[in-house]
Protein backbone atom coordinates (compact mmCIF):
# COMPACT_ATOMS: atom_id res chain seq x y z
CA UNK A 1 -20.35 14.26 -65.48
CA UNK A 2 -20.60 13.17 -61.83
CA UNK A 3 -20.67 16.05 -59.37
CA UNK A 4 -17.69 15.76 -56.99
CA UNK A 5 -18.42 15.41 -53.30
CA UNK A 6 -15.68 17.97 -52.59
CA UNK A 7 -14.34 20.64 -54.96
CA UNK A 8 -11.69 23.25 -54.27
CA UNK A 9 -11.03 25.98 -56.79
CA UNK A 10 -7.84 28.04 -56.33
CA UNK A 11 -8.24 27.78 -52.55
CA UNK A 12 -5.56 29.59 -50.57
CA UNK A 13 -4.91 30.07 -46.89
CA UNK A 14 -2.89 32.87 -45.31
CA UNK A 15 -2.59 33.24 -41.54
CA UNK A 16 -1.28 36.08 -39.41
CA UNK A 17 2.16 35.47 -37.92
CA UNK A 18 4.41 37.41 -35.55
CA UNK A 19 6.54 38.56 -38.49
CA UNK A 20 3.58 39.20 -40.78
CA UNK A 21 1.23 37.11 -42.95
CA UNK A 22 2.21 33.48 -43.55
CA UNK A 23 0.95 31.73 -46.68
CA UNK A 24 0.03 28.12 -45.88
CA UNK A 25 -1.83 27.02 -49.04
CA UNK A 26 -1.19 28.47 -52.48
CA UNK A 27 -4.14 28.09 -54.82
CA UNK A 28 -5.28 24.47 -54.43
CA UNK A 29 -7.60 23.19 -57.15
CA UNK A 30 -8.89 19.69 -56.47
CA UNK A 31 -11.95 17.50 -56.98
CA UNK A 32 -12.80 14.48 -54.85
CA UNK A 33 -15.39 12.00 -56.09
CA UNK A 34 -17.93 10.25 -53.89
CA UNK A 35 -16.55 7.01 -52.47
CA UNK A 36 -12.87 7.85 -52.97
CA UNK A 37 -10.22 7.16 -50.36
CA UNK A 38 -7.75 10.01 -50.58
CA UNK A 39 -4.42 10.21 -48.79
CA UNK A 40 -2.73 13.57 -48.21
CA UNK A 41 1.03 13.17 -47.83
CA UNK A 42 4.11 15.37 -47.87
CA UNK A 43 6.79 16.75 -45.54
CA UNK A 44 5.96 18.55 -42.30
CA UNK A 45 4.84 22.10 -43.01
CA UNK A 46 3.66 21.31 -46.54
CA UNK A 47 0.03 22.20 -45.73
CA UNK A 48 -1.55 18.74 -45.41
CA UNK A 49 -3.48 19.36 -42.20
CA UNK A 50 -4.44 22.86 -43.27
CA UNK A 51 -5.88 21.48 -46.50
CA UNK A 52 -7.91 18.94 -44.52
CA UNK A 53 -9.14 21.72 -42.22
CA UNK A 54 -10.43 23.90 -45.05
CA UNK A 55 -12.09 20.84 -46.61
CA UNK A 56 -14.03 20.42 -43.38
CA UNK A 57 -14.74 24.10 -42.83
CA UNK A 58 -12.63 24.03 -39.66
CA UNK A 59 -10.42 26.67 -41.25
CA UNK A 60 -11.74 29.22 -43.71
CA UNK A 61 -9.95 29.67 -47.04
CA UNK A 62 -8.77 33.26 -47.43
CA UNK A 63 -9.41 33.15 -51.18
CA UNK A 64 -10.85 30.75 -53.73
CA UNK A 65 -13.77 28.45 -53.03
CA UNK A 66 -14.47 25.19 -51.20
CA UNK A 67 -17.63 23.23 -52.00
CA UNK A 68 -18.84 20.09 -50.22
CA UNK A 69 -21.91 18.15 -51.33
CA UNK A 70 -22.79 21.09 -53.57
CA UNK A 71 -22.68 23.63 -50.72
CA UNK A 72 -20.28 26.57 -50.67
CA UNK A 73 -18.42 26.35 -47.36
CA UNK A 74 -16.70 29.67 -47.91
CA UNK A 75 -20.07 31.43 -47.81
CA UNK A 76 -21.20 29.93 -44.49
CA UNK A 77 -20.86 31.49 -41.05
CA UNK A 78 -19.48 29.51 -38.09
CA UNK A 79 -22.89 28.23 -36.95
CA UNK A 80 -23.80 27.08 -40.45
CA UNK A 81 -20.43 25.32 -40.80
CA UNK A 82 -20.89 23.56 -37.46
CA UNK A 83 -24.35 22.31 -38.47
CA UNK A 84 -23.05 21.19 -41.86
CA UNK A 85 -20.23 19.19 -40.27
CA UNK A 86 -22.65 17.70 -37.75
CA UNK A 87 -24.95 16.47 -40.50
CA UNK A 88 -22.48 15.45 -43.20
CA UNK A 89 -18.92 15.01 -41.89
CA UNK A 90 -17.03 12.94 -39.36
CA UNK A 91 -13.65 14.20 -38.17
CA UNK A 92 -10.92 12.15 -36.45
CA UNK A 93 -7.96 13.98 -34.90
CA UNK A 94 -4.56 12.67 -33.88
CA UNK A 95 -5.08 13.83 -30.30
CA UNK A 96 -8.61 12.31 -29.97
CA UNK A 97 -10.39 15.44 -28.56
CA UNK A 98 -12.70 13.48 -26.29
CA UNK A 99 -14.64 15.28 -23.54
CA UNK A 100 -12.92 14.14 -20.32
CA UNK A 101 -16.01 14.43 -18.09
CA UNK A 102 -18.09 12.15 -20.34
CA UNK A 103 -17.97 8.37 -20.66
CA UNK A 104 -17.09 6.72 -23.95
CA UNK A 105 -20.79 6.15 -24.60
CA UNK A 106 -21.67 9.77 -23.83
CA UNK A 107 -18.85 11.06 -26.05
CA UNK A 108 -20.21 9.10 -29.01
CA UNK A 109 -23.86 9.89 -28.29
CA UNK A 110 -23.37 13.65 -27.86
CA UNK A 111 -23.17 14.66 -31.56
CA UNK A 112 -26.11 12.37 -32.28
CA UNK A 113 -28.21 14.05 -29.60
CA UNK A 114 -27.22 17.48 -30.92
CA UNK A 115 -28.35 16.32 -34.36
CA UNK A 116 -31.74 15.25 -33.02
CA UNK A 117 -31.20 11.50 -33.50
CA UNK A 118 -33.91 9.70 -31.52
CA UNK A 119 -31.92 6.53 -30.79
CA UNK A 120 -28.67 8.35 -30.03
CA UNK A 121 -27.48 6.08 -27.21
CA UNK A 122 -28.49 2.87 -28.97
CA UNK A 123 -26.59 3.94 -32.08
CA UNK A 124 -23.60 5.05 -30.01
CA UNK A 125 -23.55 1.66 -28.29
CA UNK A 126 -23.64 -0.14 -31.64
CA UNK A 127 -20.71 1.92 -32.96
CA UNK A 128 -18.63 1.28 -29.85
CA UNK A 129 -19.30 -2.43 -30.19
CA UNK A 130 -18.19 -2.21 -33.83
CA UNK A 131 -14.80 -0.81 -32.76
CA UNK A 132 -14.40 -3.44 -30.03
CA UNK A 133 -15.30 -1.34 -26.98
CA UNK A 134 -18.51 -3.03 -25.93
CA UNK A 135 -17.16 -3.60 -22.42
CA UNK A 136 -15.61 -0.14 -22.03
CA UNK A 137 -18.58 2.13 -22.72
CA UNK A 138 -18.93 3.35 -19.12
CA UNK A 139 -15.25 4.31 -18.86
CA UNK A 140 -13.98 7.90 -19.00
CA UNK A 141 -11.16 8.91 -21.39
CA UNK A 142 -8.63 8.96 -18.52
CA UNK A 143 -9.46 5.30 -17.88
CA UNK A 144 -8.79 4.32 -21.50
CA UNK A 145 -5.51 3.69 -23.30
CA UNK A 146 -4.48 5.78 -26.30
CA UNK A 147 -5.66 3.08 -28.69
CA UNK A 148 -9.00 2.84 -26.93
CA UNK A 149 -9.46 6.60 -26.98
CA UNK A 150 -8.85 6.65 -30.73
CA UNK A 151 -11.44 3.89 -31.13
CA UNK A 152 -13.94 6.08 -29.28
CA UNK A 153 -13.03 8.97 -31.59
CA UNK A 154 -13.59 6.73 -34.62
CA UNK A 155 -16.97 5.60 -33.30
CA UNK A 156 -17.96 9.22 -32.62
CA UNK A 157 -17.01 10.27 -36.15
CA UNK A 158 -18.83 7.34 -37.78
CA UNK A 159 -21.98 7.27 -35.64
CA UNK A 160 -23.80 10.08 -37.53
CA UNK A 161 -23.17 8.07 -40.74
CA UNK A 162 -21.41 10.94 -42.49
CA UNK A 163 -20.94 11.23 -46.23
CA UNK A 164 -17.35 12.43 -45.66
CA UNK A 165 -14.82 11.12 -43.13
CA UNK A 166 -11.80 13.35 -42.46
CA UNK A 167 -8.85 11.98 -40.49
CA UNK A 168 -5.77 13.96 -39.44
CA UNK A 169 -2.87 11.60 -38.61
CA UNK A 170 -5.26 9.03 -37.06
CA UNK A 171 -2.40 6.66 -36.13
CA UNK A 172 0.21 9.32 -35.26
CA UNK A 173 -0.05 8.91 -31.46
CA UNK A 174 -0.16 5.10 -31.50
CA UNK A 175 2.39 2.31 -31.63
CA UNK A 176 2.65 0.08 -34.69
CA UNK A 177 0.27 -2.64 -33.53
CA UNK A 178 -2.44 -0.24 -32.43
CA UNK A 179 -1.91 1.95 -35.47
CA UNK A 180 -2.57 -1.03 -37.71
CA UNK A 181 -5.72 -1.92 -35.76
CA UNK A 182 -7.02 1.67 -36.06
CA UNK A 183 -6.17 1.62 -39.77
CA UNK A 184 -8.30 -1.50 -40.27
CA UNK A 185 -11.16 -0.01 -38.25
CA UNK A 186 -11.04 3.27 -40.15
CA UNK A 187 -11.31 1.59 -43.53
CA UNK A 188 -13.94 -0.78 -42.16
CA UNK A 189 -16.09 2.12 -40.96
CA UNK A 190 -15.62 3.82 -44.32
CA UNK A 191 -16.89 0.70 -46.10
CA UNK A 192 -19.73 0.15 -43.61
CA UNK A 193 -21.12 3.66 -44.09
CA UNK A 194 -20.14 4.05 -47.77
CA UNK A 195 -18.31 7.27 -46.92
CA UNK A 196 -15.66 9.24 -48.77
CA UNK A 197 -12.44 9.05 -46.72
CA UNK A 198 -9.76 11.76 -46.77
CA UNK A 199 -6.80 11.44 -44.45
CA UNK A 200 -3.51 13.10 -43.63
CA UNK A 201 -0.75 10.63 -42.86
CA UNK A 202 3.01 10.24 -42.70
CA UNK A 203 2.71 6.44 -42.68
CA UNK A 204 3.45 5.03 -46.18
CA UNK A 205 1.60 1.78 -45.47
CA UNK A 206 -1.54 3.69 -44.51
CA UNK A 207 -1.41 6.04 -47.49
CA UNK A 208 -0.84 3.06 -49.80
CA UNK A 209 -4.27 1.71 -48.86
CA UNK A 210 -5.92 4.78 -50.38
CA UNK A 211 -7.19 4.73 -53.96
CA UNK A 212 -5.56 8.11 -54.61
CA UNK A 213 -2.61 10.03 -53.20
CA UNK A 214 -2.12 13.80 -53.17
CA UNK A 215 1.42 14.88 -52.31
CA UNK A 216 1.79 18.46 -51.08
CA UNK A 217 4.92 20.57 -51.13
CA UNK A 218 5.24 24.19 -50.02
CA UNK A 219 1.47 24.62 -49.88
CA UNK A 220 0.84 23.34 -53.40
CA UNK A 221 -0.09 20.02 -55.00
CA UNK A 222 3.16 18.37 -56.05
CA UNK A 223 1.69 15.11 -57.39
CA UNK A 224 -1.80 13.64 -57.77
CA UNK A 225 -1.89 9.95 -58.63
CA UNK A 226 -3.96 6.81 -58.35
CA UNK A 227 -2.85 3.68 -56.50
CA UNK A 228 0.69 4.59 -55.49
CA UNK A 229 2.52 1.85 -53.62
CA UNK A 230 3.99 2.43 -50.17
CA UNK A 231 7.53 2.31 -51.49
CA UNK A 232 6.73 5.15 -53.89
CA UNK A 233 5.26 7.49 -51.27
CA UNK A 234 8.59 8.02 -49.57
CA UNK A 235 7.42 9.94 -46.52
CA UNK A 236 8.85 8.91 -43.14
CA UNK A 237 6.54 7.30 -40.65
CA UNK A 238 5.75 9.26 -37.50
CA UNK A 239 7.57 7.80 -34.51
CA UNK A 240 5.44 5.64 -32.21
CA UNK A 241 4.43 7.20 -28.92
CA UNK A 242 1.96 5.28 -26.82
CA UNK A 243 -1.35 3.50 -26.64
CA UNK A 244 -2.70 0.01 -26.25
CA UNK A 245 -5.70 -1.46 -28.01
């Protein structure tokens, strides 16, 4: 049997709250195969983003286990997790998380330099050209539109050629036109680098492009199905905010 690229066994997450412990995830057992495109959907507060975070070691499961590429993330310390993400994962956030004092090119090159890549700036330039920002590489995030900033974030996530791409509401801060462009770029980068793509989304049309859909409810897997159509997903699309391509 093929070893899954990600495997969660009874993974749970409980966080401290003002009124006491709050259970976010309740015993998630899940296997993701190499090359899958997996959409995580469900109502707000169902645990989608938290599940993505423990998959990437950005949040530590309070019980159970999380394995990625055969490595036990729950047994790693923070430095080990950071190095593992650097070498094997690309993460795209809704709010971009670019470094404001660095140009687009420097933002993309930074994780490559930290990883010891010799041609960091040449590779960063190539990735920015792939996402259509060949003429905007010297611009700072404040000089870029929302759509352009998300393109930089996509290039930064893809530049290390990760085995796993994680995306948390990648189109949530963009209008419909720019959201569609980012959607195409995200799947294009996934295909280019032969990565496994896992994303959280409220957009039915984006989730419908995934080969598999996991619906969460109250911190548990409600449904797990292959090739669900957009009309069957039934989650409302996040309202458009801003951003131009």
